[in-house]
Amino acid sequence: MKTIALSLLAAISISSCATGPNAQTGTVVGALGGAAVGGIIGNQSGRGLEGALIGGGIGALGGNAIGNSQDQRNAQYQNNGYNNGYRQQQRRPAGYYQNGQPYY
């Protein structure tokens, strides 16, 4: 019973971690995958429900962490002028000189 309460507490606390689109998707996918794997492993020992709950909580935490890192990387690309991994060309005003030559 303690493991069920702890896994539910972990699942509730996940919702406040990161809220980006990849973090939310990662949380759901990780929870479903973890619950499936945990249920299979728990079923081997006769505790399928507990295994599914624990696996779901751990999978949700892992999926949230991976999705959050993807969101941070996307935000960093966007802030640095990258679009889909490629740097956008910066336009310089007319009359701007570079190495003594006008740059248009």
Protein backbone atom coordinates (compact mmCIF):
# COMPACT_ATOMS: atom_id res chain seq x y z
CA MET A 1 0.00 0.00 0.00
CA LYS A 2 2.90 2.33 0.70
CA THR A 3 4.24 1.89 -2.81
CA ILE A 4 0.85 2.78 -4.31
CA ALA A 5 0.64 5.95 -2.24
CA LEU A 6 4.21 6.94 -3.11
CA SER A 7 3.71 6.34 -6.81
CA LEU A 8 0.49 8.39 -6.80
CA LEU A 9 2.27 11.19 -4.97
CA ALA A 10 5.06 11.11 -7.56
CA ALA A 11 2.54 11.20 -10.42
CA ILE A 12 0.77 14.21 -8.91
CA SER A 13 4.03 16.08 -8.38
CA ILE A 14 5.01 15.52 -12.02
CA SER A 15 2.32 17.86 -13.24
CA SER A 16 4.16 20.82 -11.73
CA CYS A 17 7.62 20.03 -13.12
CA ALA A 18 7.71 21.27 -16.69
CA THR A 19 4.84 22.34 -18.88
CA GLY A 20 6.29 22.62 -22.39
CA PRO A 21 4.68 20.65 -25.21
CA ASN A 22 7.44 18.05 -25.40
CA ALA A 23 7.51 17.69 -21.62
CA GLN A 24 3.79 17.01 -21.50
CA THR A 25 3.97 14.50 -24.33
CA GLY A 26 7.02 12.84 -22.77
CA THR A 27 5.24 12.53 -19.44
CA VAL A 28 2.26 10.76 -20.97
CA VAL A 29 4.31 8.47 -23.20
CA GLY A 30 6.74 7.66 -20.40
CA ALA A 31 3.93 6.90 -17.97
CA LEU A 32 2.18 4.56 -20.41
CA GLY A 33 5.39 2.78 -21.37
CA GLY A 34 6.54 2.52 -17.77
CA ALA A 35 3.18 1.20 -16.65
CA ALA A 36 3.24 -1.47 -19.36
CA VAL A 37 6.76 -2.60 -18.53
CA GLY A 38 6.14 -2.37 -14.78
CA GLY A 39 2.94 -4.37 -15.10
CA ILE A 40 4.73 -7.12 -17.01
CA ILE A 41 7.59 -7.26 -14.53
CA GLY A 42 5.23 -7.01 -11.53
CA ASN A 43 3.05 -9.76 -12.90
CA GLN A 44 6.01 -12.14 -12.78
CA SER A 45 6.17 -11.64 -9.01
CA GLY A 46 2.40 -11.66 -8.48
CA ARG A 47 2.08 -7.89 -7.98
CA GLY A 48 1.09 -6.59 -11.40
CA LEU A 49 -0.85 -3.55 -10.19
CA GLU A 50 1.92 -2.31 -7.94
CA GLY A 51 4.47 -2.88 -10.68
CA ALA A 52 2.35 -0.93 -13.15
CA LEU A 53 1.94 1.99 -10.74
CA ILE A 54 5.61 2.15 -9.87
CA GLY A 55 6.65 1.75 -13.51
CA GLY A 56 4.18 4.44 -14.56
CA GLY A 57 5.54 6.90 -12.01
CA ILE A 58 9.17 6.26 -12.93
CA GLY A 59 8.36 6.35 -16.66
CA ALA A 60 6.50 9.63 -16.27
CA LEU A 61 9.44 11.22 -14.47
CA GLY A 62 11.87 10.03 -17.14
CA GLY A 63 9.61 11.14 -20.00
CA ASN A 64 9.12 14.53 -18.41
CA ALA A 65 12.86 15.04 -18.02
CA ILE A 66 13.56 14.10 -21.64
CA GLY A 67 10.72 16.25 -22.98
CA ASN A 68 11.80 19.20 -20.85
CA SER A 69 15.34 19.01 -22.20
CA GLN A 70 13.94 19.03 -25.75
CA ASP A 71 11.84 22.09 -24.92
CA GLN A 72 14.88 23.88 -23.52
CA ARG A 73 16.94 23.03 -26.60
CA ASN A 74 14.16 24.30 -28.88
CA ALA A 75 13.92 27.52 -26.90
CA GLN A 76 17.69 27.98 -27.12
CA TYR A 77 17.62 27.51 -30.91
CA GLN A 78 14.77 29.97 -31.20
CA ASN A 79 16.53 32.58 -29.04
CA ASN A 80 19.76 32.27 -31.01
CA GLY A 81 18.10 32.74 -34.40
CA TYR A 82 18.03 29.11 -35.45
CA ASN A 83 15.12 27.77 -37.43
CA ASN A 84 14.89 23.97 -37.53
CA GLY A 85 18.59 23.72 -36.68
CA TYR A 86 19.79 26.15 -39.35
CA ARG A 87 20.99 29.65 -38.60
CA GLN A 88 18.92 32.39 -40.20
CA GLN A 89 20.76 35.05 -42.15
CA GLN A 90 20.97 38.36 -40.37
CA ARG A 91 20.27 41.42 -42.45
CA ARG A 92 22.53 44.39 -41.95
CA PRO A 93 21.45 47.93 -42.67
CA ALA A 94 22.55 49.51 -45.96
CA GLY A 95 25.86 51.31 -45.67
CA TYR A 96 27.24 48.93 -43.08
CA TYR A 97 30.97 48.46 -43.56
CA GLN A 98 32.78 45.23 -42.98
CA ASN A 99 36.58 45.16 -43.40
CA GLY A 100 36.50 48.61 -45.00
CA GLN A 101 34.07 47.51 -47.74
CA PRO A 102 30.36 48.32 -47.86
CA TYR A 103 28.26 45.33 -47.04
CA TYR A 104 24.78 45.19 -48.61
